[in-house]
Protein backbone atom coordinates (compact mmCIF):
# COMPACT_ATOMS: atom_id res chain seq x y z
CA UNK A 1 -10.19 -3.22 -10.42
CA UNK A 2 -7.33 -1.31 -8.81
CA UNK A 3 -7.02 2.28 -7.56
CA UNK A 4 -3.98 4.47 -6.91
CA UNK A 5 -4.08 7.16 -4.22
CA UNK A 6 -1.34 9.77 -4.43
CA UNK A 7 -0.30 10.85 -0.93
CA UNK A 8 3.39 11.67 -1.27
CA UNK A 9 3.55 15.46 -1.54
CA UNK A 10 4.93 17.84 1.05
CA UNK A 11 1.54 19.33 2.07
CA UNK A 12 3.17 22.66 2.90
CA UNK A 13 -0.05 24.64 2.35
CA UNK A 14 -1.72 22.88 5.29
CA UNK A 15 0.86 24.11 7.78
CA UNK A 16 0.22 25.02 10.65
CA UNK A 17 -3.15 23.20 10.63
CA UNK A 18 -1.54 19.84 10.13
CA UNK A 19 2.09 18.83 10.65
CA UNK A 20 1.64 15.61 8.66
CA UNK A 21 0.43 14.85 5.15
CA UNK A 22 -2.83 16.60 4.21
CA UNK A 23 -4.55 13.25 3.67
CA UNK A 24 -4.14 12.65 7.41
CA UNK A 25 -6.05 15.76 8.46
CA UNK A 26 -8.78 14.49 10.79
CA UNK A 27 -12.43 15.12 9.98
CA UNK A 28 -14.93 13.70 12.48
CA UNK A 29 -12.13 11.68 14.09
CA UNK A 30 -10.87 10.00 10.91
CA UNK A 31 -8.19 11.02 8.40
CA UNK A 32 -9.34 12.32 5.01
CA UNK A 33 -7.73 9.35 3.26
CA UNK A 34 -10.02 7.00 5.23
CA UNK A 35 -13.05 8.57 3.50
CA UNK A 36 -11.39 8.10 0.10
CA UNK A 37 -10.74 4.44 0.84
CA UNK A 38 -14.31 3.90 2.06
CA UNK A 39 -15.67 5.51 -1.13
CA UNK A 40 -13.51 3.23 -3.27
CA UNK A 41 -14.73 0.20 -1.33
CA UNK A 42 -18.37 1.20 -1.91
CA UNK A 43 -17.85 1.11 -5.68
CA UNK A 44 -16.19 -2.31 -5.57
CA UNK A 45 -12.48 -1.46 -5.48
CA UNK A 46 -10.67 -4.03 -3.36
CA UNK A 47 -7.05 -3.45 -4.37
CA UNK A 48 -5.52 -0.05 -3.57
CA UNK A 49 -2.01 1.30 -4.02
CA UNK A 50 -1.07 4.30 -1.89
CA UNK A 51 1.98 6.26 -3.00
CA UNK A 52 3.47 7.99 0.02
CA UNK A 53 6.61 9.91 0.96
CA UNK A 54 9.65 8.42 2.70
CA UNK A 55 8.31 9.29 6.19
CA UNK A 56 5.64 6.56 5.79
CA UNK A 57 3.20 8.59 7.91
CA UNK A 58 0.17 7.54 5.83
CA UNK A 59 0.98 3.86 6.30
CA UNK A 60 1.54 4.35 10.04
CA UNK A 61 -1.80 6.13 10.47
CA UNK A 62 -3.83 3.60 8.50
CA UNK A 63 -2.51 0.73 10.65
CA UNK A 64 -4.96 2.02 13.28
CA UNK A 65 -8.01 1.18 11.15
CA UNK A 66 -9.63 -2.09 10.08
CA UNK A 67 -10.05 -1.38 6.38
CA UNK A 68 -10.89 -4.88 5.16
CA UNK A 69 -9.11 -4.57 1.81
CA UNK A 70 -5.68 -5.09 0.29
CA UNK A 71 -3.54 -1.95 0.43
CA UNK A 72 -0.06 -1.83 -1.05
CA UNK A 73 2.16 1.03 0.08
CA UNK A 74 4.75 2.44 -2.33
CA UNK A 75 7.38 5.06 -1.50
CA UNK A 76 8.08 8.05 -3.73
CA UNK A 77 11.62 8.90 -2.54
CA UNK A 78 11.54 12.53 -3.71
CA UNK A 79 8.54 14.76 -4.46
CA UNK A 80 8.89 15.01 -8.25
CA UNK A 81 5.23 15.55 -9.09
CA UNK A 82 2.14 13.50 -9.80
CA UNK A 83 3.49 11.86 -12.95
CA UNK A 84 6.47 10.47 -11.06
CA UNK A 85 4.18 9.32 -8.24
CA UNK A 86 2.06 7.35 -10.71
CA UNK A 87 5.23 5.80 -12.16
CA UNK A 88 6.21 4.71 -8.64
CA UNK A 89 2.90 2.88 -8.33
């Protein structure tokens, strides 16, 4: 089974708490997206697609963690909404 995580928006409502994507906000030393990935792993998902913005900040952050699963990163060039992000995946 495969999962898609949408992480390509502008995250403007999290400013000034977080200058990066909201999925990278640290909770107990780990980004929020890490907890999502761990939850998906617990239910047997081993193939994840993460749709991110052109800055690639999600991909750069997750390089710091040993996740133990296949993650494919896809770029959504412009923030055109969730439907477009799913199409990018």
